[in-house]
Amino acid sequence: MTAFGQKKNSPEARAEVKSKEMQTVLGFDETTYQKVYAIQLNQLKQQKELKAKVGEDKEALKNGKREISVKTNKELAEVIGKENLKKWKQHVKENKKQQ
């Protein structure tokens, strides 16, 4: 893998892509974007740490990711609102169907 490829898959790069997509879909301002980015980055870093901690234990990984996701969704709901979070989840669901 190239150095560029590693950077592209870094938690920071992935958080930026996801946060910008959320901003485009939901239309929030730069201040909200910064808060969403921080939440997304925290989630990705926690997931990376979890993977390192549990190794090949798929059940522990699944459960840990679920806990991180619940916490992240609560934080996002506080920043963007429950309705926008529902809209985002619907957007993600529709995109998965198209793939």
C-alpha atoms as a PDB file:
ATOM      1  CA  MET A   1       0.000   0.000   0.000  1.00  0.00           C
ATOM      2  CA  THR A   2       1.282   3.449  -0.822  1.00  0.00           C
ATOM      3  CA  ALA A   3       1.771   6.202   1.702  1.00  0.00           C
ATOM      4  CA  PHE A   4      -1.103   8.030   0.039  1.00  0.00           C
ATOM      5  CA  GLY A   5      -3.384   5.018   0.449  1.00  0.00           C
ATOM      6  CA  GLN A   6      -2.598   4.802   4.145  1.00  0.00           C
ATOM      7  CA  LYS A   7      -3.343   8.472   4.623  1.00  0.00           C
ATOM      8  CA  LYS A   8      -6.615   8.132   2.717  1.00  0.00           C
ATOM      9  CA  ASN A   9      -7.753   5.409   5.115  1.00  0.00           C
ATOM     10  CA  SER A  10      -6.642   7.202   8.261  1.00  0.00           C
ATOM     11  CA  PRO A  11      -9.301   7.934  10.882  1.00  0.00           C
ATOM     12  CA  GLU A  12      -8.898  11.657  10.148  1.00  0.00           C
ATOM     13  CA  ALA A  13      -9.475  11.241   6.406  1.00  0.00           C
ATOM     14  CA  ARG A  14     -12.421   8.898   6.903  1.00  0.00           C
ATOM     15  CA  ALA A  15     -14.006  11.232   9.483  1.00  0.00           C
ATOM     16  CA  GLU A  16     -13.606  14.158   7.096  1.00  0.00           C
ATOM     17  CA  VAL A  17     -15.259  12.320   4.192  1.00  0.00           C
ATOM     18  CA  LYS A  18     -18.188  11.139   6.303  1.00  0.00           C
ATOM     19  CA  SER A  19     -18.680  14.515   8.002  1.00  0.00           C
ATOM     20  CA  LYS A  20     -18.620  16.377   4.679  1.00  0.00           C
ATOM     21  CA  GLU A  21     -21.171  13.969   3.244  1.00  0.00           C
ATOM     22  CA  MET A  22     -23.373  14.520   6.287  1.00  0.00           C
ATOM     23  CA  GLN A  23     -23.017  18.281   5.859  1.00  0.00           C
ATOM     24  CA  THR A  24     -24.037  18.008   2.204  1.00  0.00           C
ATOM     25  CA  VAL A  25     -27.031  15.771   2.917  1.00  0.00           C
ATOM     26  CA  LEU A  26     -28.248  17.613   6.022  1.00  0.00           C
ATOM     27  CA  GLY A  27     -27.129  21.161   5.191  1.00  0.00           C
ATOM     28  CA  PHE A  28     -25.613  22.191   8.507  1.00  0.00           C
ATOM     29  CA  ASP A  29     -23.126  25.023   9.106  1.00  0.00           C
ATOM     30  CA  GLU A  30     -19.354  24.951   9.639  1.00  0.00           C
ATOM     31  CA  THR A  31     -19.612  25.017  13.438  1.00  0.00           C
ATOM     32  CA  THR A  32     -21.837  21.956  13.385  1.00  0.00           C
ATOM     33  CA  TYR A  33     -19.499  20.335  10.853  1.00  0.00           C
ATOM     34  CA  GLN A  34     -16.575  20.726  13.264  1.00  0.00           C
ATOM     35  CA  LYS A  35     -18.583  19.096  16.061  1.00  0.00           C
ATOM     36  CA  VAL A  36     -19.710  16.237  13.803  1.00  0.00           C
ATOM     37  CA  TYR A  37     -16.137  15.733  12.591  1.00  0.00           C
ATOM     38  CA  ALA A  38     -14.887  15.492  16.185  1.00  0.00           C
ATOM     39  CA  ILE A  39     -17.564  12.895  17.009  1.00  0.00           C
ATOM     40  CA  GLN A  40     -16.817  10.876  13.871  1.00  0.00           C
ATOM     41  CA  LEU A  41     -13.072  10.999  14.493  1.00  0.00           C
ATOM     42  CA  ASN A  42     -13.549   9.847  18.073  1.00  0.00           C
ATOM     43  CA  GLN A  43     -15.704   6.938  16.880  1.00  0.00           C
ATOM     44  CA  LEU A  44     -13.136   5.821  14.301  1.00  0.00           C
ATOM     45  CA  LYS A  45     -10.267   6.047  16.771  1.00  0.00           C
ATOM     46  CA  GLN A  46     -12.245   4.037  19.339  1.00  0.00           C
ATOM     47  CA  GLN A  47     -12.989   1.379  16.720  1.00  0.00           C
ATOM     48  CA  LYS A  48      -9.320   1.204  15.753  1.00  0.00           C
ATOM     49  CA  GLU A  49      -8.319   0.787  19.410  1.00  0.00           C
ATOM     50  CA  LEU A  50     -11.009  -1.865  19.854  1.00  0.00           C
ATOM     51  CA  LYS A  51      -9.712  -3.862  16.875  1.00  0.00           C
ATOM     52  CA  ALA A  52      -6.205  -3.757  18.307  1.00  0.00           C
ATOM     53  CA  LYS A  53      -7.478  -4.832  21.722  1.00  0.00           C
ATOM     54  CA  VAL A  54      -9.765  -7.736  20.748  1.00  0.00           C
ATOM     55  CA  GLY A  55      -7.770  -9.082  17.799  1.00  0.00           C
ATOM     56  CA  GLU A  56      -9.613 -11.871  16.000  1.00  0.00           C
ATOM     57  CA  ASP A  57     -12.479 -12.167  18.504  1.00  0.00           C
ATOM     58  CA  LYS A  58     -15.342 -11.328  16.135  1.00  0.00           C
ATOM     59  CA  GLU A  59     -18.018 -11.409  18.823  1.00  0.00           C
ATOM     60  CA  ALA A  60     -16.110  -8.973  21.043  1.00  0.00           C
ATOM     61  CA  LEU A  61     -15.505  -6.732  18.028  1.00  0.00           C
ATOM     62  CA  LYS A  62     -19.187  -6.784  17.085  1.00  0.00           C
ATOM     63  CA  ASN A  63     -20.318  -5.988  20.625  1.00  0.00           C
ATOM     64  CA  GLY A  64     -17.697  -3.280  21.078  1.00  0.00           C
ATOM     65  CA  LYS A  65     -18.613  -1.625  17.792  1.00  0.00           C
ATOM     66  CA  ARG A  66     -22.281  -1.695  18.776  1.00  0.00           C
ATOM     67  CA  GLU A  67     -21.500   0.087  22.057  1.00  0.00           C
ATOM     68  CA  ILE A  68     -19.389   2.693  20.255  1.00  0.00           C
ATOM     69  CA  SER A  69     -22.143   3.201  17.669  1.00  0.00           C
ATOM     70  CA  VAL A  70     -24.841   3.748  20.298  1.00  0.00           C
ATOM     71  CA  LYS A  71     -22.667   6.325  22.063  1.00  0.00           C
ATOM     72  CA  THR A  72     -21.838   8.054  18.779  1.00  0.00           C
ATOM     73  CA  ASN A  73     -25.495   8.227  17.738  1.00  0.00           C
ATOM     74  CA  LYS A  74     -26.428   9.826  21.060  1.00  0.00           C
ATOM     75  CA  GLU A  75     -23.688  12.434  20.614  1.00  0.00           C
ATOM     76  CA  LEU A  76     -24.730  13.112  17.013  1.00  0.00           C
ATOM     77  CA  ALA A  77     -28.386  13.477  18.030  1.00  0.00           C
ATOM     78  CA  GLU A  78     -27.363  16.161  20.524  1.00  0.00           C
ATOM     79  CA  VAL A  79     -25.483  18.096  17.843  1.00  0.00           C
ATOM     80  CA  ILE A  80     -27.624  17.672  14.715  1.00  0.00           C
ATOM     81  CA  GLY A  81     -30.965  16.723  16.253  1.00  0.00           C
ATOM     82  CA  LYS A  82     -32.918  13.482  16.209  1.00  0.00           C
ATOM     83  CA  GLU A  83     -34.735  14.296  12.975  1.00  0.00           C
ATOM     84  CA  ASN A  84     -31.507  14.976  11.103  1.00  0.00           C
ATOM     85  CA  LEU A  85     -30.028  11.782  12.516  1.00  0.00           C
ATOM     86  CA  LYS A  86     -33.049   9.883  11.156  1.00  0.00           C
ATOM     87  CA  LYS A  87     -32.572  11.559   7.770  1.00  0.00           C
ATOM     88  CA  TRP A  88     -28.899  10.595   7.792  1.00  0.00           C
ATOM     89  CA  LYS A  89     -29.641   6.974   8.668  1.00  0.00           C
ATOM     90  CA  GLN A  90     -32.210   6.836   5.864  1.00  0.00           C
ATOM     91  CA  HIS A  91     -29.630   8.268   3.443  1.00  0.00           C
ATOM     92  CA  VAL A  92     -27.086   5.618   4.479  1.00  0.00           C
ATOM     93  CA  LYS A  93     -29.678   2.859   4.144  1.00  0.00           C
ATOM     94  CA  GLU A  94     -30.643   4.005   0.643  1.00  0.00           C
ATOM     95  CA  ASN A  95     -27.001   4.171  -0.441  1.00  0.00           C
ATOM     96  CA  LYS A  96     -26.403   0.606   0.783  1.00  0.00           C
ATOM     97  CA  LYS A  97     -29.325  -0.599  -1.357  1.00  0.00           C
ATOM     98  CA  GLN A  98     -27.800   1.035  -4.437  1.00  0.00           C
ATOM     99  CA  GLN A  99     -24.436  -0.672  -3.985  1.00  0.00           C
END
